[in-house]
PDB file of N, CA and C in Angstrom:
ATOM      1  N   MET A   1       9.437  15.510   2.328  1.00  0.00           N
ATOM      2  CA  MET A   1       8.707  14.420   2.998  1.00  0.00           C
ATOM      3  C   MET A   1       9.318  14.151   4.369  1.00  0.00           C
ATOM      4  N   ASP A   2       8.482  14.155   5.381  1.00  0.00           N
ATOM      5  CA  ASP A   2       8.972  13.872   6.726  1.00  0.00           C
ATOM      6  C   ASP A   2       9.332  12.400   6.863  1.00  0.00           C
ATOM      7  N   VAL A   3      10.245  12.114   7.785  1.00  0.00           N
ATOM      8  CA  VAL A   3      10.636  10.729   8.040  1.00  0.00           C
ATOM      9  C   VAL A   3       9.436   9.952   8.569  1.00  0.00           C
ATOM     10  N   ILE A   4       8.649  10.608   9.422  1.00  0.00           N
ATOM     11  CA  ILE A   4       7.469   9.954   9.999  1.00  0.00           C
ATOM     12  C   ILE A   4       6.484   9.577   8.900  1.00  0.00           C
ATOM     13  N   HIS A   5       6.254  10.489   7.957  1.00  0.00           N
ATOM     14  CA  HIS A   5       5.347  10.186   6.858  1.00  0.00           C
ATOM     15  C   HIS A   5       5.894   9.046   6.016  1.00  0.00           C
ATOM     16  N   LEU A   6       7.200   9.031   5.832  1.00  0.00           N
ATOM     17  CA  LEU A   6       7.833   7.969   5.057  1.00  0.00           C
ATOM     18  C   LEU A   6       7.654   6.630   5.756  1.00  0.00           C
ATOM     19  N   LEU A   7       7.864   6.619   7.068  1.00  0.00           N
ATOM     20  CA  LEU A   7       7.696   5.382   7.837  1.00  0.00           C
ATOM     21  C   LEU A   7       6.251   4.912   7.802  1.00  0.00           C
ATOM     22  N   ASP A   8       5.314   5.857   7.919  1.00  0.00           N
ATOM     23  CA  ASP A   8       3.895   5.499   7.850  1.00  0.00           C
ATOM     24  C   ASP A   8       3.580   4.856   6.507  1.00  0.00           C
ATOM     25  N   ALA A   9       4.116   5.428   5.438  1.00  0.00           N
ATOM     26  CA  ALA A   9       3.874   4.900   4.101  1.00  0.00           C
ATOM     27  C   ALA A   9       4.465   3.499   3.960  1.00  0.00           C
ATOM     28  N   VAL A  10       5.672   3.300   4.491  1.00  0.00           N
ATOM     29  CA  VAL A  10       6.331   1.993   4.410  1.00  0.00           C
ATOM     30  C   VAL A  10       5.530   0.939   5.165  1.00  0.00           C
ATOM     31  N   VAL A  11       5.090   1.289   6.379  1.00  0.00           N
ATOM     32  CA  VAL A  11       4.297   0.348   7.176  1.00  0.00           C
ATOM     33  C   VAL A  11       2.985   0.029   6.472  1.00  0.00           C
ATOM     34  N   LEU A  12       2.351   1.063   5.931  1.00  0.00           N
ATOM     35  CA  LEU A  12       1.082   0.878   5.226  1.00  0.00           C
ATOM     36  C   LEU A  12       1.263  -0.039   4.025  1.00  0.00           C
ATOM     37  N   LEU A  13       2.264   0.254   3.208  1.00  0.00           N
ATOM     38  CA  LEU A  13       2.506  -0.560   2.018  1.00  0.00           C
ATOM     39  C   LEU A  13       2.880  -1.987   2.383  1.00  0.00           C
ATOM     40  N   ALA A  14       3.693  -2.152   3.427  1.00  0.00           N
ATOM     41  CA  ALA A  14       4.088  -3.495   3.855  1.00  0.00           C
ATOM     42  C   ALA A  14       2.862  -4.291   4.289  1.00  0.00           C
ATOM     43  N   THR A  15       1.984  -3.640   5.042  1.00  0.00           N
ATOM     44  CA  THR A  15       0.760  -4.305   5.500  1.00  0.00           C
ATOM     45  C   THR A  15      -0.106  -4.708   4.315  1.00  0.00           C
ATOM     46  N   ILE A  16      -0.223  -3.803   3.346  1.00  0.00           N
ATOM     47  CA  ILE A  16      -1.035  -4.083   2.157  1.00  0.00           C
ATOM     48  C   ILE A  16      -0.430  -5.228   1.352  1.00  0.00           C
ATOM     49  N   TRP A  17       0.890  -5.211   1.169  1.00  0.00           N
ATOM     50  CA  TRP A  17       1.550  -6.273   0.409  1.00  0.00           C
ATOM     51  C   TRP A  17       1.349  -7.626   1.068  1.00  0.00           C
ATOM     52  N   ILE A  18       1.494  -7.674   2.400  1.00  0.00           N
ATOM     53  CA  ILE A  18       1.314  -8.931   3.134  1.00  0.00           C
ATOM     54  C   ILE A  18      -0.121  -9.422   2.978  1.00  0.00           C
ATOM     55  N   SER A  19      -1.062  -8.498   3.090  1.00  0.00           N
ATOM     56  CA  SER A  19      -2.472  -8.866   2.949  1.00  0.00           C
ATOM     57  C   SER A  19      -2.749  -9.393   1.543  1.00  0.00           C
ATOM     58  N   ALA A  20      -2.185  -8.724   0.540  1.00  0.00           N
ATOM     59  CA  ALA A  20      -2.400  -9.132  -0.846  1.00  0.00           C
ATOM     60  C   ALA A  20      -1.781 -10.503  -1.111  1.00  0.00           C
ATOM     61  N   CYS A  21      -0.592 -10.715  -0.592  1.00  0.00           N
ATOM     62  CA  CYS A  21       0.082 -12.000  -0.783  1.00  0.00           C
ATOM     63  C   CYS A  21      -0.651 -13.115  -0.043  1.00  0.00           C
ATOM     64  N   TYR A  22      -1.283 -12.757   1.054  1.00  0.00           N
ATOM     65  CA  TYR A  22      -1.996 -13.746   1.867  1.00  0.00           C
ATOM     66  C   TYR A  22      -3.269 -14.196   1.164  1.00  0.00           C
ATOM     67  N   ALA A  23      -3.885 -13.277   0.439  1.00  0.00           N
ATOM     68  CA  ALA A  23      -5.121 -13.607  -0.284  1.00  0.00           C
ATOM     69  C   ALA A  23      -4.984 -13.165  -1.734  1.00  0.00           C
ATOM     70  N   LEU A  24      -4.272 -13.979  -2.522  1.00  0.00           N
ATOM     71  CA  LEU A  24      -4.049 -13.633  -3.924  1.00  0.00           C
ATOM     72  C   LEU A  24      -5.338 -13.777  -4.732  1.00  0.00           C
ATOM     73  N   SER A  25      -5.812 -12.637  -5.208  1.00  0.00           N
ATOM     74  CA  SER A  25      -6.986 -12.649  -6.072  1.00  0.00           C
ATOM     75  C   SER A  25      -6.963 -11.372  -6.899  1.00  0.00           C
ATOM     76  N   ALA A  26      -7.728 -11.356  -7.973  1.00  0.00           N
ATOM     77  CA  ALA A  26      -7.765 -10.175  -8.836  1.00  0.00           C
ATOM     78  C   ALA A  26      -8.225  -8.955  -8.037  1.00  0.00           C
ATOM     79  N   ARG A  27      -9.189  -9.181  -7.154  1.00  0.00           N
ATOM     80  CA  ARG A  27      -9.710  -8.069  -6.359  1.00  0.00           C
ATOM     81  C   ARG A  27      -8.628  -7.512  -5.449  1.00  0.00           C
ATOM     82  N   SER A  28      -7.863  -8.393  -4.804  1.00  0.00           N
ATOM     83  CA  SER A  28      -6.809  -7.947  -3.897  1.00  0.00           C
ATOM     84  C   SER A  28      -5.785  -7.095  -4.639  1.00  0.00           C
ATOM     85  N   TRP A  29      -5.377  -7.542  -5.829  1.00  0.00           N
ATOM     86  CA  TRP A  29      -4.373  -6.793  -6.577  1.00  0.00           C
ATOM     87  C   TRP A  29      -4.926  -5.477  -7.101  1.00  0.00           C
ATOM     88  N   THR A  30      -6.225  -5.455  -7.448  1.00  0.00           N
ATOM     89  CA  THR A  30      -6.835  -4.209  -7.911  1.00  0.00           C
ATOM     90  C   THR A  30      -6.855  -3.188  -6.783  1.00  0.00           C
ATOM     91  N   ILE A  31      -7.244  -3.650  -5.584  1.00  0.00           N
ATOM     92  CA  ILE A  31      -7.274  -2.775  -4.414  1.00  0.00           C
ATOM     93  C   ILE A  31      -5.860  -2.310  -4.077  1.00  0.00           C
ATOM     94  N   LEU A  32      -4.912  -3.229  -4.144  1.00  0.00           N
ATOM     95  CA  LEU A  32      -3.519  -2.903  -3.857  1.00  0.00           C
ATOM     96  C   LEU A  32      -3.028  -1.799  -4.784  1.00  0.00           C
ATOM     97  N   LEU A  33      -3.273  -1.978  -6.075  1.00  0.00           N
ATOM     98  CA  LEU A  33      -2.840  -0.998  -7.064  1.00  0.00           C
ATOM     99  C   LEU A  33      -3.488   0.358  -6.799  1.00  0.00           C
ATOM    100  N   ALA A  34      -4.780   0.348  -6.503  1.00  0.00           N
ATOM    101  CA  ALA A  34      -5.502   1.592  -6.231  1.00  0.00           C
ATOM    102  C   ALA A  34      -4.925   2.307  -5.011  1.00  0.00           C
ATOM    103  N   VAL A  35      -4.662   1.551  -3.944  1.00  0.00           N
ATOM    104  CA  VAL A  35      -4.117   2.146  -2.718  1.00  0.00           C
ATOM    105  C   VAL A  35      -2.718   2.712  -2.956  1.00  0.00           C
ATOM    106  N   VAL A  36      -1.901   1.994  -3.719  1.00  0.00           N
ATOM    107  CA  VAL A  36      -0.552   2.482  -4.021  1.00  0.00           C
ATOM    108  C   VAL A  36      -0.627   3.793  -4.793  1.00  0.00           C
ATOM    109  N   ILE A  37      -1.502   3.855  -5.791  1.00  0.00           N
ATOM    110  CA  ILE A  37      -1.659   5.076  -6.588  1.00  0.00           C
ATOM    111  C   ILE A  37      -2.135   6.228  -5.705  1.00  0.00           C
ATOM    112  N   ILE A  38      -3.119   5.948  -4.832  1.00  0.00           N
ATOM    113  CA  ILE A  38      -3.630   6.978  -3.931  1.00  0.00           C
ATOM    114  C   ILE A  38      -2.530   7.452  -2.980  1.00  0.00           C
ATOM    115  N   THR A  39      -1.755   6.493  -2.457  1.00  0.00           N
ATOM    116  CA  THR A  39      -0.675   6.828  -1.530  1.00  0.00           C
ATOM    117  C   THR A  39       0.358   7.724  -2.205  1.00  0.00           C
ATOM    118  N   ILE A  40       0.743   7.375  -3.432  1.00  0.00           N
ATOM    119  CA  ILE A  40       1.715   8.174  -4.177  1.00  0.00           C
ATOM    120  C   ILE A  40       1.144   9.563  -4.461  1.00  0.00           C
ATOM    121  N   SER A  41      -0.139   9.620  -4.787  1.00  0.00           N
ATOM    122  CA  SER A  41      -0.778  10.899  -5.089  1.00  0.00           C
ATOM    123  C   SER A  41      -0.779  11.823  -3.874  1.00  0.00           C
ATOM    124  N   CYS A  42      -0.878  11.245  -2.682  1.00  0.00           N
ATOM    125  CA  CYS A  42      -0.892  12.054  -1.457  1.00  0.00           C
ATOM    126  C   CYS A  42       0.452  12.749  -1.238  1.00  0.00           C
ATOM    127  N   PHE A  43       1.523  12.169  -1.754  1.00  0.00           N
ATOM    128  CA  PHE A  43       2.833  12.792  -1.601  1.00  0.00           C
ATOM    129  C   PHE A  43       3.111  13.696  -2.781  1.00  0.00           C
TER     130      PHE A  43
END
């Protein structure tokens, strides 16, 4: 895994976590979980 890809993933996840925490709802957490799984699958 490249450092750049790692940084991109960290920034992406941080942005998603902040968004999810900002709008706590079942939909937000479902989307969050889906994106995390997709992100992990890409690596």
